[in-house]
N, C-alpha and C. Protein backbone atom coordinates (compact mmCIF):
# COMPACT_ATOMS: atom_id res chain seq x y z
N MET A 1 22.22 -5.36 1.31
CA MET A 1 21.49 -4.46 1.90
C MET A 1 20.41 -4.40 3.15
N PRO A 2 21.00 -3.56 4.28
CA PRO A 2 20.17 -4.14 5.46
C PRO A 2 19.33 -3.27 5.38
N GLY A 3 17.94 -3.56 6.53
CA GLY A 3 16.93 -3.49 6.61
C GLY A 3 15.94 -3.64 5.13
N LYS A 4 14.51 -3.30 5.35
CA LYS A 4 13.71 -3.35 4.51
C LYS A 4 13.22 -2.02 3.78
N TYR A 5 13.06 -2.20 2.50
CA TYR A 5 12.71 -1.12 1.38
C TYR A 5 11.43 -1.19 0.81
N ILE A 6 10.97 0.00 0.48
CA ILE A 6 9.67 0.24 0.13
C ILE A 6 9.62 0.91 -1.43
N VAL A 7 9.19 -0.06 -2.52
CA VAL A 7 9.68 0.42 -3.88
C VAL A 7 7.80 0.46 -4.21
N VAL A 8 7.75 1.72 -4.66
CA VAL A 8 5.91 1.95 -5.65
C VAL A 8 5.91 1.80 -6.74
N THR A 9 5.35 0.94 -7.48
CA THR A 9 5.35 0.70 -9.14
C THR A 9 4.61 2.11 -9.67
N ASN A 10 4.78 2.13 -10.94
CA ASN A 10 4.10 3.23 -11.56
C ASN A 10 2.35 3.15 -11.14
N HIS A 11 2.46 1.96 -11.44
CA HIS A 11 0.85 1.34 -11.56
C HIS A 11 -0.14 2.00 -10.18
N ALA A 12 1.01 1.75 -9.04
CA ALA A 12 0.43 1.87 -7.75
C ALA A 12 0.48 3.73 -7.94
N VAL A 13 0.97 4.06 -8.32
CA VAL A 13 1.20 5.74 -8.26
C VAL A 13 -0.09 6.32 -9.43
N ARG A 14 -0.45 5.57 -10.11
CA ARG A 14 -1.51 5.98 -10.88
C ARG A 14 -2.49 5.62 -10.67
N ARG A 15 -3.11 4.78 -9.55
CA ARG A 15 -4.29 4.07 -9.03
C ARG A 15 -4.48 5.19 -7.81
N TYR A 16 -3.57 5.55 -7.00
CA TYR A 16 -3.50 6.59 -5.81
C TYR A 16 -3.84 7.78 -6.45
N GLN A 17 -3.14 8.41 -7.78
CA GLN A 17 -3.65 9.40 -8.34
C GLN A 17 -5.43 9.64 -8.37
N GLU A 18 -5.56 8.27 -9.06
CA GLU A 18 -7.07 8.53 -9.42
C GLU A 18 -8.04 8.28 -8.39
N ARG A 19 -7.97 7.63 -7.23
CA ARG A 19 -8.91 6.89 -6.50
C ARG A 19 -8.58 7.61 -5.31
N ILE A 20 -7.68 8.43 -4.70
CA ILE A 20 -7.23 8.93 -3.70
C ILE A 20 -7.10 10.33 -3.85
N LYS A 21 -6.04 10.68 -4.47
CA LYS A 21 -5.68 12.23 -4.47
C LYS A 21 -4.67 12.37 -5.35
N MET A 22 -5.52 13.28 -6.39
CA MET A 22 -4.64 13.81 -7.46
C MET A 22 -3.81 14.75 -7.25
N MET A 23 -1.96 14.44 -7.21
CA MET A 23 -0.92 15.29 -6.95
C MET A 23 -0.06 14.65 -7.96
N ASN A 24 1.26 15.68 -8.12
CA ASN A 24 2.41 15.12 -8.75
C ASN A 24 2.98 13.36 -8.38
N GLU A 25 3.39 12.76 -9.57
CA GLU A 25 4.08 11.58 -9.01
C GLU A 25 5.16 11.24 -7.86
N ALA A 26 5.70 12.48 -7.67
CA ALA A 26 7.04 12.20 -6.81
C ALA A 26 6.41 12.62 -4.95
N LYS A 27 5.07 13.26 -5.33
CA LYS A 27 4.53 13.32 -3.68
C LYS A 27 3.66 12.18 -3.74
N ALA A 28 2.81 11.92 -4.79
CA ALA A 28 2.18 10.50 -4.87
C ALA A 28 2.85 9.33 -4.29
N GLN A 29 4.07 9.18 -4.53
CA GLN A 29 4.99 8.24 -4.21
C GLN A 29 5.15 8.25 -2.90
N ASN A 30 5.72 9.41 -2.31
CA ASN A 30 5.97 9.79 -1.22
C ASN A 30 4.74 9.51 0.01
N ALA A 31 3.59 9.84 -0.52
CA ALA A 31 2.40 9.83 0.51
C ALA A 31 2.07 8.14 0.57
N ILE A 32 2.46 7.63 -0.50
CA ILE A 32 1.99 5.85 -0.34
C ILE A 32 3.23 5.51 0.54
N ILE A 33 4.42 5.71 0.51
CA ILE A 33 5.38 4.99 1.22
C ILE A 33 5.26 5.42 2.61
N GLU A 34 4.69 6.63 2.89
CA GLU A 34 4.31 7.34 4.59
C GLU A 34 3.07 6.33 4.97
N CYS A 35 2.25 6.18 3.81
CA CYS A 35 0.89 5.32 4.44
C CYS A 35 1.35 3.82 4.67
N VAL A 36 2.21 3.20 3.83
CA VAL A 36 2.42 1.63 3.88
C VAL A 36 3.15 1.49 5.22
N LYS A 37 4.21 2.40 5.70
CA LYS A 37 4.91 2.54 6.68
C LYS A 37 4.03 2.43 7.82
N ARG A 38 3.17 3.10 8.19
CA ARG A 38 2.31 3.67 9.23
C ARG A 38 0.91 2.36 9.16
N SER A 39 0.92 1.15 7.89
CA SER A 39 -0.09 0.65 8.04
C SER A 39 0.13 -0.94 8.33
N ARG A 40 -0.90 -1.37 8.72
CA ARG A 40 -1.10 -3.35 9.28
C ARG A 40 -1.37 -4.04 8.07
N MET A 41 -1.02 -5.14 8.33
CA MET A 41 -1.18 -6.17 7.39
C MET A 41 -2.51 -6.84 7.58
N ILE A 42 -3.70 -7.22 6.71
CA ILE A 42 -4.56 -7.54 6.95
C ILE A 42 -4.93 -8.99 6.66
N ALA A 43 -4.20 -9.01 5.44
CA ALA A 43 -4.18 -10.46 4.89
C ALA A 43 -2.81 -10.80 4.24
N LEU A 44 -2.60 -12.23 3.76
CA LEU A 44 -1.58 -12.82 3.46
C LEU A 44 -2.07 -13.68 2.45
N THR A 45 -1.84 -13.66 0.72
CA THR A 45 -2.72 -14.41 -0.05
C THR A 45 -1.95 -16.00 -0.15
N LYS A 46 -1.92 -16.69 -0.26
CA LYS A 46 -1.35 -17.91 -0.09
C LYS A 46 -0.91 -18.44 -1.27
N TYR A 47 -1.00 -17.87 -2.27
CA TYR A 47 -0.60 -18.03 -4.13
C TYR A 47 -0.09 -16.59 -4.44
N GLY A 48 1.22 -16.90 -4.67
CA GLY A 48 1.82 -14.94 -4.99
C GLY A 48 2.45 -15.03 -3.85
N GLY A 49 2.49 -15.03 -2.70
CA GLY A 49 2.81 -14.12 -1.65
C GLY A 49 2.65 -12.99 -1.58
N ARG A 50 1.64 -12.31 -1.50
CA ARG A 50 1.10 -10.88 -1.63
C ARG A 50 0.65 -10.62 -0.48
N GLU A 51 1.02 -9.75 0.19
CA GLU A 51 0.22 -8.63 1.64
C GLU A 51 -0.58 -7.87 1.12
N ILE A 52 -1.91 -7.83 1.91
CA ILE A 52 -2.64 -6.96 1.76
C ILE A 52 -2.61 -6.41 3.01
N ARG A 53 -2.22 -5.00 2.78
CA ARG A 53 -2.11 -3.90 3.68
C ARG A 53 -3.36 -2.83 3.86
N GLU A 54 -3.62 -2.34 4.87
CA GLU A 54 -4.41 -1.09 5.16
C GLU A 54 -4.33 0.01 6.08
N ASN A 55 -4.49 1.27 5.60
CA ASN A 55 -4.33 2.57 6.60
C ASN A 55 -5.20 3.42 6.43
N LYS A 56 -6.30 3.70 7.12
CA LYS A 56 -7.25 4.65 7.12
C LYS A 56 -7.92 4.35 6.07
N GLY A 57 -8.62 3.30 5.62
CA GLY A 57 -9.51 3.11 4.75
C GLY A 57 -8.91 2.96 3.40
N ILE A 58 -7.58 2.78 3.47
CA ILE A 58 -6.55 2.50 1.83
C ILE A 58 -6.15 1.41 2.05
N VAL A 59 -6.21 0.86 0.85
CA VAL A 59 -5.83 -0.80 0.49
C VAL A 59 -4.71 -0.78 -0.26
N PHE A 60 -3.45 -1.22 0.52
CA PHE A 60 -2.38 -1.51 -0.17
C PHE A 60 -2.08 -2.99 -0.82
N VAL A 61 -1.83 -3.13 -2.14
CA VAL A 61 -1.44 -4.71 -2.26
C VAL A 61 0.07 -4.52 -2.74
N CYS A 62 0.55 -5.37 -1.77
CA CYS A 62 1.94 -5.63 -1.73
C CYS A 62 2.77 -6.87 -2.16
N GLU A 63 3.97 -6.80 -2.74
CA GLU A 63 4.44 -8.30 -2.68
C GLU A 63 6.11 -8.22 -2.19
N LEU A 64 6.35 -9.06 -1.63
CA LEU A 64 7.79 -8.90 -0.78
C LEU A 64 8.87 -9.97 -1.22
N HIS A 65 9.60 -9.13 -2.12
CA HIS A 65 10.52 -10.05 -2.86
C HIS A 65 12.31 -9.32 -1.64
N GLY A 66 12.63 -10.61 -1.11
CA GLY A 66 13.82 -10.48 0.05
C GLY A 66 13.48 -9.56 0.78
N ASN A 67 14.25 -8.20 0.97
CA ASN A 67 14.00 -7.68 1.63
C ASN A 67 13.16 -6.06 1.21
N ILE A 68 12.54 -6.29 -0.03
CA ILE A 68 12.23 -5.02 -0.65
C ILE A 68 10.55 -5.43 -1.02
N LEU A 69 9.71 -4.44 -0.10
CA LEU A 69 8.47 -4.34 0.01
C LEU A 69 7.81 -3.51 -1.35
N TYR A 70 7.40 -4.17 -2.39
CA TYR A 70 6.86 -3.60 -3.80
C TYR A 70 5.41 -3.47 -3.70
N VAL A 71 4.91 -2.10 -3.76
CA VAL A 71 3.95 -1.60 -3.51
C VAL A 71 3.21 -1.94 -5.11
N ILE A 72 2.09 -2.89 -5.09
CA ILE A 72 1.88 -3.13 -6.47
C ILE A 72 0.32 -2.32 -7.07
N THR A 73 -0.43 -2.20 -5.92
CA THR A 73 -1.51 -1.22 -6.30
C THR A 73 -2.40 -0.41 -5.40
N VAL A 74 -3.22 0.42 -5.39
CA VAL A 74 -3.75 1.35 -4.10
C VAL A 74 -5.28 1.07 -4.26
N LEU A 75 -5.95 0.76 -3.23
CA LEU A 75 -7.61 0.41 -3.71
C LEU A 75 -7.99 1.45 -2.45
N GLN A 76 -9.48 1.81 -2.47
CA GLN A 76 -9.89 2.42 -1.34
C GLN A 76 -11.15 1.25 -1.09
N SER A 77 -10.85 0.87 0.76
CA SER A 77 -12.18 0.31 1.19
C SER A 77 -13.17 0.53 0.97
N GLN A 78 -14.20 -0.32 0.62
CA GLN A 78 -15.56 -0.23 0.73
C GLN A 78 -15.96 -0.69 2.25
N VAL A 79 -15.33 -0.89 3.39
CA VAL A 79 -15.84 -1.49 4.23
C VAL A 79 -15.93 -0.53 5.56
N ASP A 80 -17.11 -0.44 6.15
CA ASP A 80 -17.14 0.45 7.00
C ASP A 80 -16.16 -0.03 8.42
N LEU A 81 -15.16 0.64 8.80
CA LEU A 81 -14.40 -0.05 9.91
C LEU A 81 -15.27 0.52 11.25
N ARG A 82 -15.57 -0.24 12.30
CA ARG A 82 -16.11 0.21 13.53
C ARG A 82 -15.19 -0.55 14.68
N PHE A 83 -15.04 0.36 15.57
CA PHE A 83 -14.36 -0.11 16.92
C PHE A 83 -15.33 -0.35 17.97
N VAL A 84 -15.14 -1.20 18.74
CA VAL A 84 -15.73 -1.30 20.08
C VAL A 84 -15.00 -1.01 21.39
N ILE A 85 -15.73 0.04 22.17
CA ILE A 85 -14.56 0.19 23.31
C ILE A 85 -14.84 -0.34 24.64
């Protein structure tokens, strides 16, 4: 399997629907995939090998197995992002 693939769990879809935006499962799954594609890794856990990724205040908890990135859950960031110019 060349390249990397993103797989969204049912749990992540339900959390996206309740925390971010209510939409049907297929649209929520596509929205999560697009956000994860544009996200940046903000942390890597020592145990369990989980990646914490962020995009526009939405936090994604992911696990990498081979070349497949599984999105485990979706959170909303409670931190105000401030940028210095």
